[in-house]
N, C-alpha and C. Protein backbone atom coordinates (compact mmCIF):
# COMPACT_ATOMS: atom_id res chain seq x y z
N ASP A 1 209.42 -184.18 11.11
CA ASP A 1 209.07 -185.18 11.94
C ASP A 1 207.44 -185.18 12.47
N LYS A 2 207.22 -183.63 12.91
CA LYS A 2 206.25 -183.34 13.46
C LYS A 2 204.53 -183.56 12.30
N PHE A 3 205.14 -183.58 10.83
CA PHE A 3 203.94 -183.52 10.15
C PHE A 3 203.87 -185.16 9.38
N ASP A 4 202.31 -185.39 9.22
CA ASP A 4 201.88 -186.77 8.39
C ASP A 4 202.52 -186.64 7.37
N VAL A 5 202.21 -185.78 6.49
CA VAL A 5 202.39 -185.90 4.99
C VAL A 5 203.58 -184.75 4.72
N VAL A 6 204.50 -184.68 3.81
CA VAL A 6 204.96 -183.73 3.60
C VAL A 6 205.50 -184.05 1.82
N VAL A 7 205.03 -182.27 1.34
CA VAL A 7 204.93 -182.78 -0.32
C VAL A 7 205.89 -181.04 -0.64
N ILE A 8 206.51 -181.32 -1.34
CA ILE A 8 207.90 -180.62 -2.36
C ILE A 8 207.68 -180.23 -3.18
N SER A 9 206.77 -178.95 -3.24
CA SER A 9 206.32 -178.51 -5.02
C SER A 9 207.66 -177.47 -5.88
N TYR A 10 208.32 -178.04 -6.76
CA TYR A 10 208.94 -178.10 -7.47
C TYR A 10 208.30 -176.77 -8.84
N ASP A 11 208.59 -176.04 -9.10
CA ASP A 11 208.60 -175.36 -10.34
C ASP A 11 209.54 -175.91 -11.41
N TRP A 12 208.94 -176.21 -12.46
CA TRP A 12 209.57 -177.34 -13.37
C TRP A 12 208.82 -176.87 -15.10
N HIS A 13 209.49 -175.70 -15.28
CA HIS A 13 209.54 -174.85 -16.40
C HIS A 13 210.24 -175.29 -17.87
N PRO A 14 209.92 -175.45 -18.85
CA PRO A 14 210.38 -175.70 -19.93
C PRO A 14 211.46 -174.62 -20.34
N HIS A 15 212.36 -174.28 -21.31
CA HIS A 15 213.17 -173.61 -21.24
C HIS A 15 212.40 -172.32 -21.89
N ASP A 16 211.37 -172.32 -23.05
CA ASP A 16 211.04 -170.98 -23.31
C ASP A 16 209.52 -171.07 -22.62
N HIS A 17 209.21 -171.01 -21.40
CA HIS A 17 208.72 -170.59 -20.92
C HIS A 17 207.87 -169.65 -20.83
N CYS A 18 206.15 -169.20 -20.64
CA CYS A 18 205.52 -168.19 -20.69
C CYS A 18 205.79 -167.07 -19.77
N SER A 19 206.55 -167.15 -18.64
CA SER A 19 206.90 -166.21 -17.39
C SER A 19 208.49 -165.78 -18.05
N PHE A 20 209.15 -166.24 -18.60
CA PHE A 20 210.51 -165.86 -18.89
C PHE A 20 210.72 -164.54 -19.95
N VAL A 21 211.25 -163.10 -19.14
CA VAL A 21 211.42 -162.32 -19.83
C VAL A 21 212.27 -162.97 -20.92
N GLU A 22 213.37 -163.57 -21.09
CA GLU A 22 213.95 -164.36 -22.18
C GLU A 22 213.06 -164.44 -23.48
N SER A 23 212.23 -165.26 -23.26
CA SER A 23 210.91 -165.86 -23.78
C SER A 23 210.45 -164.69 -24.80
N ALA A 24 209.49 -164.14 -23.85
CA ALA A 24 208.82 -162.38 -24.70
C ALA A 24 210.11 -161.73 -25.33
N SER A 25 210.97 -161.80 -24.82
CA SER A 25 212.17 -160.56 -25.78
C SER A 25 212.24 -161.32 -27.01
N GLU A 26 212.31 -162.84 -26.99
CA GLU A 26 212.61 -163.26 -27.97
C GLU A 26 211.97 -163.52 -29.20
N GLY A 27 210.54 -163.17 -28.39
CA GLY A 27 209.64 -163.38 -29.27
C GLY A 27 208.64 -164.57 -29.59
N LYS A 28 208.88 -165.54 -28.77
CA LYS A 28 208.67 -166.91 -28.36
C LYS A 28 207.35 -167.22 -27.51
N VAL A 29 206.67 -166.40 -27.22
CA VAL A 29 205.16 -165.78 -25.82
C VAL A 29 204.47 -165.29 -27.34
N ALA A 30 203.35 -165.95 -27.04
CA ALA A 30 201.98 -164.79 -27.54
C ALA A 30 201.47 -163.66 -26.58
N ILE A 31 201.47 -162.69 -26.79
CA ILE A 31 201.50 -161.64 -26.23
C ILE A 31 200.96 -160.46 -26.66
N LYS A 32 200.37 -159.29 -26.58
CA LYS A 32 199.49 -158.68 -26.98
C LYS A 32 200.28 -156.95 -27.37
N GLU A 33 201.38 -157.10 -26.26
CA GLU A 33 202.21 -155.54 -26.35
C GLU A 33 202.89 -156.00 -27.07
N GLU A 34 203.04 -155.18 -28.14
CA GLU A 34 203.99 -154.51 -29.50
C GLU A 34 205.19 -154.38 -28.82
N VAL A 35 206.20 -155.02 -28.18
CA VAL A 35 207.23 -154.10 -27.66
C VAL A 35 208.73 -155.45 -27.73
N LYS A 36 209.57 -154.74 -28.43
CA LYS A 36 210.59 -156.29 -28.90
C LYS A 36 211.65 -156.63 -27.42
N LYS A 37 211.63 -155.73 -26.48
CA LYS A 37 212.23 -156.03 -25.44
C LYS A 37 211.79 -155.88 -23.88
N PHE A 38 211.94 -156.47 -23.10
CA PHE A 38 210.98 -156.37 -21.88
C PHE A 38 212.28 -156.60 -20.96
N ASP A 39 211.46 -155.97 -19.50
CA ASP A 39 212.54 -155.77 -18.65
C ASP A 39 211.67 -156.76 -17.66
N PRO A 40 212.77 -157.13 -16.87
CA PRO A 40 212.11 -158.38 -15.36
C PRO A 40 211.27 -157.85 -14.76
N PHE A 41 210.21 -158.60 -14.65
CA PHE A 41 209.16 -157.99 -13.56
C PHE A 41 208.21 -157.21 -13.92
N THR A 42 207.77 -156.84 -15.67
CA THR A 42 207.08 -156.36 -16.79
C THR A 42 205.92 -157.08 -16.75
N PHE A 43 204.55 -156.76 -16.73
CA PHE A 43 203.31 -157.40 -16.69
C PHE A 43 203.14 -157.15 -18.09
N VAL A 44 202.92 -158.52 -18.43
CA VAL A 44 202.00 -158.71 -20.42
C VAL A 44 200.74 -159.02 -19.90
N THR A 45 200.37 -158.95 -21.05
CA THR A 45 199.07 -159.61 -21.79
C THR A 45 199.34 -160.97 -22.71
N LEU A 46 198.27 -162.02 -22.09
CA LEU A 46 199.23 -163.25 -23.31
C LEU A 46 197.65 -163.32 -23.21
N LYS A 47 197.88 -163.92 -25.07
CA LYS A 47 196.91 -163.97 -25.60
C LYS A 47 196.28 -165.29 -25.71
N GLU A 48 194.84 -165.49 -25.65
CA GLU A 48 194.41 -166.36 -25.71
C GLU A 48 194.64 -167.79 -26.35
N ASP A 49 194.68 -168.76 -25.65
CA ASP A 49 194.78 -170.20 -26.71
C ASP A 49 194.13 -171.69 -25.80
N LYS A 50 194.74 -172.49 -26.36
CA LYS A 50 193.84 -173.76 -25.64
C LYS A 50 194.04 -174.31 -24.46
N ASP A 51 195.12 -173.99 -23.86
CA ASP A 51 195.14 -174.20 -22.28
C ASP A 51 194.57 -173.12 -21.48
N ARG A 52 194.10 -171.53 -21.69
CA ARG A 52 194.39 -170.53 -21.30
C ARG A 52 193.60 -169.32 -22.06
N PRO A 53 192.28 -168.54 -21.21
CA PRO A 53 192.05 -167.35 -21.80
C PRO A 53 192.96 -166.40 -21.35
N GLU A 54 192.89 -165.21 -21.93
CA GLU A 54 193.99 -164.10 -22.44
C GLU A 54 193.78 -163.34 -21.00
N HIS A 55 195.03 -163.58 -20.61
CA HIS A 55 195.42 -162.94 -18.81
C HIS A 55 196.51 -162.24 -18.93
N GLN A 56 196.68 -161.72 -17.98
CA GLN A 56 198.01 -160.85 -17.54
C GLN A 56 199.05 -161.99 -16.96
N GLN A 57 200.31 -161.27 -17.04
CA GLN A 57 201.55 -162.07 -16.82
C GLN A 57 202.28 -161.69 -16.30
N ILE A 58 203.46 -161.70 -15.26
CA ILE A 58 204.36 -161.36 -15.14
C ILE A 58 205.45 -161.85 -15.62
N LEU A 59 206.45 -161.28 -16.03
CA LEU A 59 207.80 -162.12 -16.59
C LEU A 59 208.89 -161.95 -15.50
N TYR A 60 209.69 -162.80 -15.36
CA TYR A 60 210.54 -163.13 -14.92
C TYR A 60 211.82 -163.22 -14.97
N PRO A 61 213.04 -163.44 -14.58
CA PRO A 61 214.27 -163.66 -15.37
C PRO A 61 214.24 -165.62 -15.37
N ARG A 62 214.68 -166.14 -16.46
CA ARG A 62 214.57 -167.95 -16.73
C ARG A 62 215.23 -167.90 -15.01
N HIS A 63 214.06 -169.17 -14.69
CA HIS A 63 214.42 -169.78 -13.28
C HIS A 63 213.98 -171.49 -13.57
N ALA A 64 214.33 -172.28 -12.55
CA ALA A 64 213.65 -173.71 -12.40
C ALA A 64 213.19 -174.00 -13.27
N VAL A 65 214.66 -174.45 -14.91
CA VAL A 65 214.37 -174.99 -15.99
C VAL A 65 214.38 -176.59 -15.80
N GLN A 66 213.54 -177.01 -16.56
CA GLN A 66 213.33 -178.44 -16.26
C GLN A 66 215.01 -179.45 -16.21
N ASN A 67 215.06 -180.26 -15.53
CA ASN A 67 216.59 -181.03 -15.35
C ASN A 67 217.61 -180.45 -15.69
N SER A 68 217.76 -179.18 -14.60
CA SER A 68 218.77 -177.96 -14.61
C SER A 68 218.78 -177.85 -13.16
N GLU A 69 220.24 -177.40 -12.68
CA GLU A 69 220.42 -177.41 -11.29
C GLU A 69 219.42 -175.99 -10.83
N GLY A 70 218.74 -175.28 -11.63
CA GLY A 70 218.07 -174.56 -11.03
C GLY A 70 216.66 -174.88 -10.60
N GLY A 71 216.39 -175.92 -11.21
CA GLY A 71 215.07 -176.89 -11.06
C GLY A 71 214.81 -177.55 -9.59
N LYS A 72 216.69 -177.72 -8.98
CA LYS A 72 216.40 -178.30 -7.85
C LYS A 72 216.33 -177.92 -6.61
N CYS A 73 215.98 -178.55 -5.78
CA CYS A 73 216.17 -177.54 -4.52
C CYS A 73 217.09 -176.87 -3.89
N HIS A 74 217.19 -176.48 -2.50
CA HIS A 74 218.57 -176.27 -2.13
C HIS A 74 219.32 -177.33 -1.30
N LYS A 75 220.37 -177.66 -1.53
CA LYS A 75 221.23 -178.51 -1.09
C LYS A 75 221.04 -178.83 0.28
N ASP A 76 220.58 -178.09 1.23
CA ASP A 76 220.94 -178.27 3.03
C ASP A 76 219.26 -178.43 3.40
N LEU A 77 218.06 -178.46 2.20
CA LEU A 77 217.18 -178.85 2.29
C LEU A 77 216.78 -180.09 2.55
N VAL A 78 216.67 -180.60 3.79
CA VAL A 78 215.95 -182.41 3.96
C VAL A 78 214.93 -182.93 3.46
N ILE A 79 215.15 -183.80 2.46
CA ILE A 79 213.98 -184.93 1.86
C ILE A 79 214.23 -185.56 2.10
N LYS A 80 212.95 -186.31 2.45
CA LYS A 80 213.13 -188.16 2.61
C LYS A 80 212.57 -188.24 1.67
N ASP A 81 212.67 -190.30 1.32
CA ASP A 81 212.15 -190.55 0.55
C ASP A 81 210.68 -191.11 0.69
N THR A 82 209.98 -190.77 1.80
CA THR A 82 208.94 -190.49 2.16
C THR A 82 208.33 -189.39 1.48
N ASP A 83 208.23 -188.18 0.97
CA ASP A 83 208.03 -186.96 0.95
C ASP A 83 207.91 -187.49 -0.27
N LEU A 84 206.41 -186.55 -0.53
CA LEU A 84 205.70 -186.32 -2.28
C LEU A 84 206.40 -185.01 -2.91
N SER A 85 205.91 -185.68 -3.80
CA SER A 85 206.20 -184.70 -5.11
C SER A 85 205.47 -184.01 -6.13
N VAL A 86 205.26 -182.67 -6.21
CA VAL A 86 204.43 -181.76 -7.23
C VAL A 86 205.17 -180.87 -8.28
N TYR A 87 204.88 -180.95 -9.38
CA TYR A 87 205.44 -180.21 -10.43
C TYR A 87 204.62 -179.45 -10.85
N LYS A 88 204.91 -178.06 -11.30
CA LYS A 88 204.35 -177.32 -11.73
C LYS A 88 204.85 -176.35 -12.34
N GLY A 89 204.05 -175.40 -13.77
CA GLY A 89 204.41 -174.74 -14.22
C GLY A 89 205.27 -175.45 -15.38
N VAL A 90 204.65 -176.64 -15.93
CA VAL A 90 205.30 -177.72 -16.50
C VAL A 90 204.98 -177.43 -17.93
N LYS A 91 203.84 -176.63 -18.65
CA LYS A 91 203.78 -176.54 -19.83
C LYS A 91 204.08 -175.04 -20.28
N PRO A 92 204.81 -174.90 -21.50
CA PRO A 92 205.16 -173.74 -21.81
C PRO A 92 204.23 -172.26 -21.75
N ASN A 93 203.40 -172.83 -22.25
CA ASN A 93 201.98 -171.46 -22.47
C ASN A 93 201.73 -170.93 -21.17
N ILE A 94 201.46 -172.07 -20.16
CA ILE A 94 201.00 -171.26 -18.82
C ILE A 94 202.08 -171.23 -17.30
N ASP A 95 201.52 -170.38 -16.72
CA ASP A 95 202.52 -170.39 -15.82
C ASP A 95 201.36 -171.00 -14.23
N SER A 96 201.90 -171.56 -12.97
CA SER A 96 201.59 -171.89 -12.04
C SER A 96 202.11 -171.40 -10.78
N TYR A 97 201.76 -170.52 -10.34
CA TYR A 97 202.27 -169.89 -9.00
C TYR A 97 201.75 -171.04 -7.90
N SER A 98 200.53 -171.74 -8.36
CA SER A 98 200.12 -172.81 -7.10
C SER A 98 200.47 -173.96 -6.79
N ALA A 99 200.53 -174.84 -5.92
CA ALA A 99 200.95 -176.47 -6.16
C ALA A 99 199.62 -177.15 -6.67
N PHE A 100 198.67 -175.99 -6.67
CA PHE A 100 197.17 -177.27 -6.80
C PHE A 100 196.31 -176.95 -8.54
N PHE A 101 196.70 -175.87 -8.55
CA PHE A 101 196.10 -175.62 -9.85
C PHE A 101 197.58 -174.91 -10.95
N ASP A 102 196.89 -174.26 -12.08
CA ASP A 102 197.65 -173.24 -13.05
C ASP A 102 196.70 -171.87 -12.32
N ASN A 103 197.35 -171.00 -13.10
CA ASN A 103 197.15 -169.64 -12.85
C ASN A 103 195.48 -169.30 -13.30
N MET A 104 195.15 -170.37 -14.18
CA MET A 104 193.84 -170.02 -14.84
C MET A 104 192.91 -170.96 -14.49
N LYS A 105 193.15 -171.97 -13.53
CA LYS A 105 192.71 -173.37 -12.88
C LYS A 105 192.25 -174.17 -14.19
N ALA A 106 193.13 -174.32 -15.03
CA ALA A 106 192.25 -174.84 -15.97
C ALA A 106 193.37 -176.16 -16.33
N ASN A 107 194.42 -176.47 -15.18
CA ASN A 107 195.24 -177.66 -15.36
C ASN A 107 195.22 -177.66 -13.66
N ASP A 108 194.69 -178.84 -13.26
CA ASP A 108 195.25 -179.98 -12.25
C ASP A 108 196.47 -180.28 -11.63
N THR A 109 197.62 -180.17 -10.60
CA THR A 109 198.74 -180.86 -10.49
C THR A 109 198.21 -182.13 -9.92
N GLY A 110 196.98 -182.60 -9.69
CA GLY A 110 197.37 -183.78 -8.67
C GLY A 110 197.06 -183.72 -7.24
N LEU A 111 197.53 -182.24 -7.22
CA LEU A 111 197.78 -182.37 -5.00
C LEU A 111 196.96 -182.48 -4.52
N THR A 112 195.66 -182.32 -4.89
CA THR A 112 194.32 -182.23 -3.78
C THR A 112 193.75 -183.73 -4.14
N ALA A 113 194.24 -184.44 -5.27
CA ALA A 113 194.06 -186.04 -4.98
C ALA A 113 195.02 -186.23 -4.02
N MET A 114 195.76 -186.37 -4.37
CA MET A 114 197.24 -187.17 -3.55
C MET A 114 197.02 -186.55 -2.21
N LEU A 115 196.92 -185.09 -1.74
CA LEU A 115 196.36 -184.94 -0.01
C LEU A 115 195.25 -185.93 0.50
N GLU A 116 194.41 -185.82 -0.32
CA GLU A 116 192.78 -186.62 0.13
C GLU A 116 193.13 -188.09 0.37
N LYS A 117 193.76 -188.37 -0.59
CA LYS A 117 193.92 -190.29 -0.46
C LYS A 117 194.74 -189.87 0.87
N GLU A 118 195.81 -189.56 1.46
CA GLU A 118 196.35 -189.80 2.66
C GLU A 118 195.39 -189.07 4.07
N ASN A 119 194.42 -188.48 3.61
CA ASN A 119 193.12 -188.36 4.90
C ASN A 119 193.72 -186.86 5.45
N VAL A 120 194.76 -185.83 4.95
CA VAL A 120 194.91 -184.82 5.11
C VAL A 120 194.03 -183.89 5.34
N THR A 121 193.68 -183.07 6.61
CA THR A 121 192.88 -182.01 6.46
C THR A 121 193.57 -180.47 6.34
N ASP A 122 194.34 -180.25 7.28
CA ASP A 122 195.16 -179.32 7.48
C ASP A 122 196.45 -179.56 6.12
N VAL A 123 196.37 -178.04 6.03
CA VAL A 123 197.62 -177.92 4.98
C VAL A 123 198.51 -176.36 5.45
N TYR A 124 199.99 -176.56 5.61
CA TYR A 124 200.53 -176.12 6.40
C TYR A 124 201.62 -175.65 4.76
N CYS A 125 201.71 -173.95 4.46
CA CYS A 125 202.19 -173.80 3.13
C CYS A 125 203.78 -172.86 3.71
N CYS A 126 204.79 -173.23 3.24
CA CYS A 126 206.29 -172.13 3.81
C CYS A 126 206.98 -172.45 2.38
N GLY A 127 207.82 -171.52 2.22
CA GLY A 127 208.94 -171.66 1.48
C GLY A 127 208.82 -170.24 0.61
N LEU A 128 209.11 -170.63 -0.89
CA LEU A 128 209.51 -169.12 -1.52
C LEU A 128 208.45 -169.36 -3.04
N VAL A 129 208.21 -168.07 -3.20
CA VAL A 129 207.86 -166.73 -2.24
C VAL A 129 206.65 -166.49 -1.48
N THR A 130 206.47 -165.85 -0.45
CA THR A 130 205.48 -165.67 0.16
C THR A 130 204.00 -165.10 -0.26
N ASP A 131 204.57 -163.85 -1.13
CA ASP A 131 203.36 -162.93 -2.12
C ASP A 131 203.08 -163.32 -3.28
N ILE A 132 203.73 -164.77 -3.75
CA ILE A 132 203.42 -165.93 -5.05
C ILE A 132 203.33 -166.90 -4.64
N CYS A 133 203.35 -167.76 -4.66
CA CYS A 133 203.67 -169.42 -4.64
C CYS A 133 202.94 -169.80 -3.74
N VAL A 134 203.92 -169.10 -2.46
CA VAL A 134 202.79 -169.45 -1.30
C VAL A 134 201.53 -169.24 -0.94
N LYS A 135 201.50 -167.93 -1.31
CA LYS A 135 199.84 -167.42 -1.23
C LYS A 135 199.14 -168.29 -1.68
N SER A 136 199.24 -168.32 -3.32
CA SER A 136 198.33 -169.06 -4.30
C SER A 136 198.16 -170.49 -3.97
N THR A 137 199.25 -170.95 -3.12
CA THR A 137 198.64 -172.61 -3.24
C THR A 137 198.22 -172.37 -1.37
N ALA A 138 197.80 -171.43 -0.67
CA ALA A 138 197.42 -171.68 0.48
C ALA A 138 195.83 -171.06 -0.09
N LEU A 139 195.78 -169.99 -0.62
CA LEU A 139 194.37 -169.76 -0.92
C LEU A 139 193.61 -171.08 -1.87
N HIS A 140 194.36 -171.46 -2.67
CA HIS A 140 193.87 -172.73 -3.20
C HIS A 140 193.75 -174.13 -2.69
N GLY A 141 194.62 -174.04 -1.51
CA GLY A 141 194.08 -175.14 -0.81
C GLY A 141 192.41 -174.75 -0.02
N ALA A 142 192.50 -173.31 0.58
CA ALA A 142 191.23 -173.29 1.47
C ALA A 142 190.71 -173.64 0.32
N GLU A 143 190.05 -173.04 -1.01
CA GLU A 143 189.15 -173.51 -1.68
C GLU A 143 188.68 -174.30 -1.88
N VAL A 144 190.05 -175.61 -1.85
CA VAL A 144 189.36 -177.24 -1.92
C VAL A 144 188.86 -177.87 -1.01
N GLY A 145 189.31 -177.29 0.37
CA GLY A 145 188.26 -177.45 1.37
C GLY A 145 189.15 -177.81 2.39
N PHE A 146 190.65 -177.58 2.65
CA PHE A 146 191.48 -178.06 3.74
C PHE A 146 191.36 -176.53 4.57
N ASN A 147 191.71 -177.01 6.10
CA ASN A 147 192.16 -176.02 6.26
C ASN A 147 193.68 -175.20 6.25
N ALA A 148 194.28 -173.78 5.91
CA ALA A 148 195.17 -173.80 5.23
C ALA A 148 195.78 -172.89 5.96
N PHE A 149 196.98 -172.75 6.06
CA PHE A 149 197.71 -171.84 6.60
C PHE A 149 199.05 -171.60 6.44
N VAL A 150 199.52 -170.33 6.13
CA VAL A 150 201.23 -170.00 6.19
C VAL A 150 202.01 -169.90 7.02
N ILE A 151 202.55 -170.67 7.33
CA ILE A 151 204.13 -170.32 8.21
C ILE A 151 205.00 -169.23 7.51
N HIS A 152 204.55 -168.03 8.11
CA HIS A 152 205.39 -167.03 7.29
C HIS A 152 206.95 -166.59 8.04
N ASP A 153 207.21 -167.48 8.91
CA ASP A 153 208.71 -167.07 9.17
C ASP A 153 209.47 -168.51 8.75
N ALA A 154 209.04 -169.14 7.88
CA ALA A 154 209.58 -170.10 6.97
C ALA A 154 209.25 -170.30 5.69
N SER A 155 209.09 -168.53 5.33
CA SER A 155 208.86 -168.43 4.11
C SER A 155 209.55 -167.13 3.81
N ARG A 156 209.74 -167.06 2.42
CA ARG A 156 210.29 -165.55 2.50
C ARG A 156 209.94 -164.61 0.94
N PRO A 157 209.02 -163.43 0.95
CA PRO A 157 208.40 -162.74 0.02
C PRO A 157 209.49 -162.49 -1.58
N LEU A 158 208.86 -161.87 -2.42
CA LEU A 158 209.75 -161.10 -3.54
C LEU A 158 209.98 -159.94 -2.95
N SER A 159 209.31 -159.26 -2.02
CA SER A 159 209.39 -157.74 -1.63
C SER A 159 208.94 -157.85 -0.52
N ASN A 160 209.33 -157.38 0.56
CA ASN A 160 209.05 -156.68 1.67
C ASN A 160 207.39 -156.32 2.07
N ASP A 161 207.37 -155.07 0.86
CA ASP A 161 206.14 -154.17 0.70
C ASP A 161 205.21 -155.10 0.37
N ASN A 162 205.37 -156.24 0.12
CA ASN A 162 203.74 -156.90 0.02
C ASN A 162 203.46 -158.08 0.99
N ILE A 163 204.04 -157.87 2.03
CA ILE A 163 203.64 -158.78 3.56
C ILE A 163 202.46 -158.72 3.92
N GLU A 164 201.96 -157.82 4.20
CA GLU A 164 200.64 -156.66 5.10
C GLU A 164 199.98 -156.93 3.89
N PRO A 165 199.70 -156.57 2.58
CA PRO A 165 198.72 -157.16 1.79
C PRO A 165 198.53 -158.48 1.58
N THR A 166 199.38 -159.18 1.56
CA THR A 166 199.37 -160.99 1.25
C THR A 166 198.84 -161.08 2.63
N LYS A 167 199.66 -160.68 3.58
CA LYS A 167 198.34 -161.47 4.91
C LYS A 167 197.08 -161.05 4.88
N LYS A 168 196.70 -159.74 4.86
CA LYS A 168 195.26 -159.48 4.59
C LYS A 168 194.86 -159.87 3.37
N VAL A 169 195.26 -160.84 2.24
CA VAL A 169 194.31 -161.29 1.31
C VAL A 169 193.99 -162.46 1.93
N LEU A 170 195.22 -163.16 2.60
CA LEU A 170 195.18 -164.59 2.86
C LEU A 170 194.08 -164.45 4.57
N THR A 171 194.36 -163.80 5.14
CA THR A 171 193.24 -163.55 6.24
C THR A 171 191.96 -164.11 6.01
N GLU A 172 191.43 -163.27 5.34
CA GLU A 172 190.08 -162.30 4.53
C GLU A 172 189.68 -163.75 4.07
N ALA A 173 190.64 -164.46 3.52
CA ALA A 173 190.16 -165.80 3.02
C ALA A 173 190.31 -166.95 3.53
N GLY A 174 190.30 -166.92 4.77
CA GLY A 174 190.38 -167.74 6.58
C GLY A 174 191.62 -168.70 6.26
N VAL A 175 192.58 -168.16 5.41
CA VAL A 175 193.61 -168.72 5.85
C VAL A 175 194.58 -168.57 7.02
N GLY A 176 195.33 -169.02 7.65
CA GLY A 176 195.78 -168.52 8.91
C GLY A 176 197.06 -168.33 8.51
N TRP A 177 197.55 -167.49 9.79
CA TRP A 177 198.73 -166.72 9.23
C TRP A 177 199.56 -167.12 10.72
N VAL A 178 200.70 -167.99 10.61
CA VAL A 178 201.26 -168.76 11.70
C VAL A 178 202.69 -169.09 11.58
N THR A 179 203.56 -168.65 12.91
CA THR A 179 204.62 -168.91 12.62
C THR A 179 205.02 -170.85 13.04
N VAL A 180 206.48 -170.61 12.48
CA VAL A 180 206.76 -172.43 12.97
C VAL A 180 206.47 -173.01 14.05
N ASP A 181 206.80 -172.31 15.32
CA ASP A 181 206.19 -172.47 16.50
C ASP A 181 204.96 -172.75 16.80
N GLU A 182 204.02 -171.73 16.08
CA GLU A 182 202.57 -171.92 16.40
C GLU A 182 202.51 -173.16 15.74
N ALA A 183 202.90 -173.59 14.19
CA ALA A 183 202.44 -174.70 13.50
C ALA A 183 202.60 -175.80 14.37
N VAL A 184 204.02 -175.98 14.99
CA VAL A 184 203.84 -176.98 15.39
C VAL A 184 203.07 -177.57 16.79
N LYS A 185 202.54 -176.45 17.31
CA LYS A 185 201.85 -176.60 18.63
C LYS A 185 200.50 -176.87 17.99
N LYS A 186 200.11 -176.59 17.08
CA LYS A 186 198.54 -176.83 16.19
C LYS A 186 198.61 -177.94 15.69
N VAL A 187 200.03 -178.66 15.22
CA VAL A 187 199.87 -180.35 14.80
C VAL A 187 199.89 -181.02 15.69
N THR A 188 200.62 -180.52 16.95
CA THR A 188 200.74 -181.59 18.07
C THR A 188 199.86 -181.83 18.44
N ALA A 189 198.70 -180.72 19.15
CA ALA A 189 197.80 -180.82 20.05
C ALA A 189 196.75 -181.27 18.99
N LYS A 190 196.51 -181.56 17.83
CA LYS A 190 195.81 -181.97 16.83
C LYS A 190 195.93 -183.84 17.40
N LYS A 191 197.07 -183.86 17.15
CA LYS A 191 197.65 -185.42 17.30
C LYS A 191 196.80 -185.86 18.91
N ASP A 192 197.65 -185.15 20.04
CA ASP A 192 197.20 -185.50 21.32
C ASP A 192 195.82 -185.98 21.41
N LEU A 193 194.82 -185.01 20.46
CA LEU A 193 193.53 -185.14 20.57
C LEU A 193 192.65 -186.43 19.84
N SER A 194 193.34 -186.55 18.94
CA SER A 194 192.82 -187.54 17.73
C SER A 194 193.45 -188.54 18.44
N LEU A 195 194.37 -188.89 19.53
CA LEU A 195 194.81 -190.11 20.28
C LEU A 195 193.83 -190.37 21.54
N LYS A 196 193.47 -189.20 22.21
CA LYS A 196 192.92 -188.83 23.23
C LYS A 196 190.80 -189.46 23.03
N GLU A 197 191.06 -189.32 21.99
CA GLU A 197 189.61 -189.97 21.39
C GLU A 197 189.97 -191.45 20.67
N TYR A 198 190.79 -191.85 20.46
CA TYR A 198 191.15 -192.93 19.79
C TYR A 198 190.89 -193.92 21.18
N MET A 199 191.73 -193.61 22.09
CA MET A 199 191.79 -194.10 23.17
C MET A 199 190.28 -194.74 24.26
N GLY A 200 189.55 -193.19 24.29
CA GLY A 200 188.36 -193.35 24.61
C GLY A 200 187.32 -194.37 24.19
N GLN A 201 187.61 -194.55 22.57
CA GLN A 201 186.60 -195.72 22.34
C GLN A 201 187.17 -197.17 22.44
N ILE A 202 188.33 -197.55 22.98
CA ILE A 202 188.54 -198.36 23.24
C ILE A 202 187.93 -199.10 24.51
């Protein structure tokens, strides 16, 4: 209730998505490496196609498949009818860590326009995982002109070893690194200031 706009970001992958280690091992992904079976969290080189230039991709176990239980939010997450939704990683041949763009910024999810329509200026990012999707979303949010923050104690990393490097990248890009309490205080203070400014104009 402290935030004016809430957006739920969903990974929403086809069953044969290019980020899946199963897809790579089954030969369903156009990659340069001549290996028949890959391990999870291996880097591969995706060949160029109509949607993407050649680039590196980490392979993950199959997850968040469209219209599956794995694509849903956790049952304990409170979602309201007024919350907005963004679906990413929907194309089979390109991944999307960020809720704003795919990994090559070739496709826009529509989130920027959605937030601008709601007159949003500050974006607070949290969730899974801190060092990949949360980081990428915050960086892209800052790139397109929002005041971006990561709520680190409401997020979890893939690896704890990545927390400090992630924090460094974010802070160097001008992204705030805050706790839940700090985020709520910032939002509340901004609302109070806006109300005072409004009352002063009456």
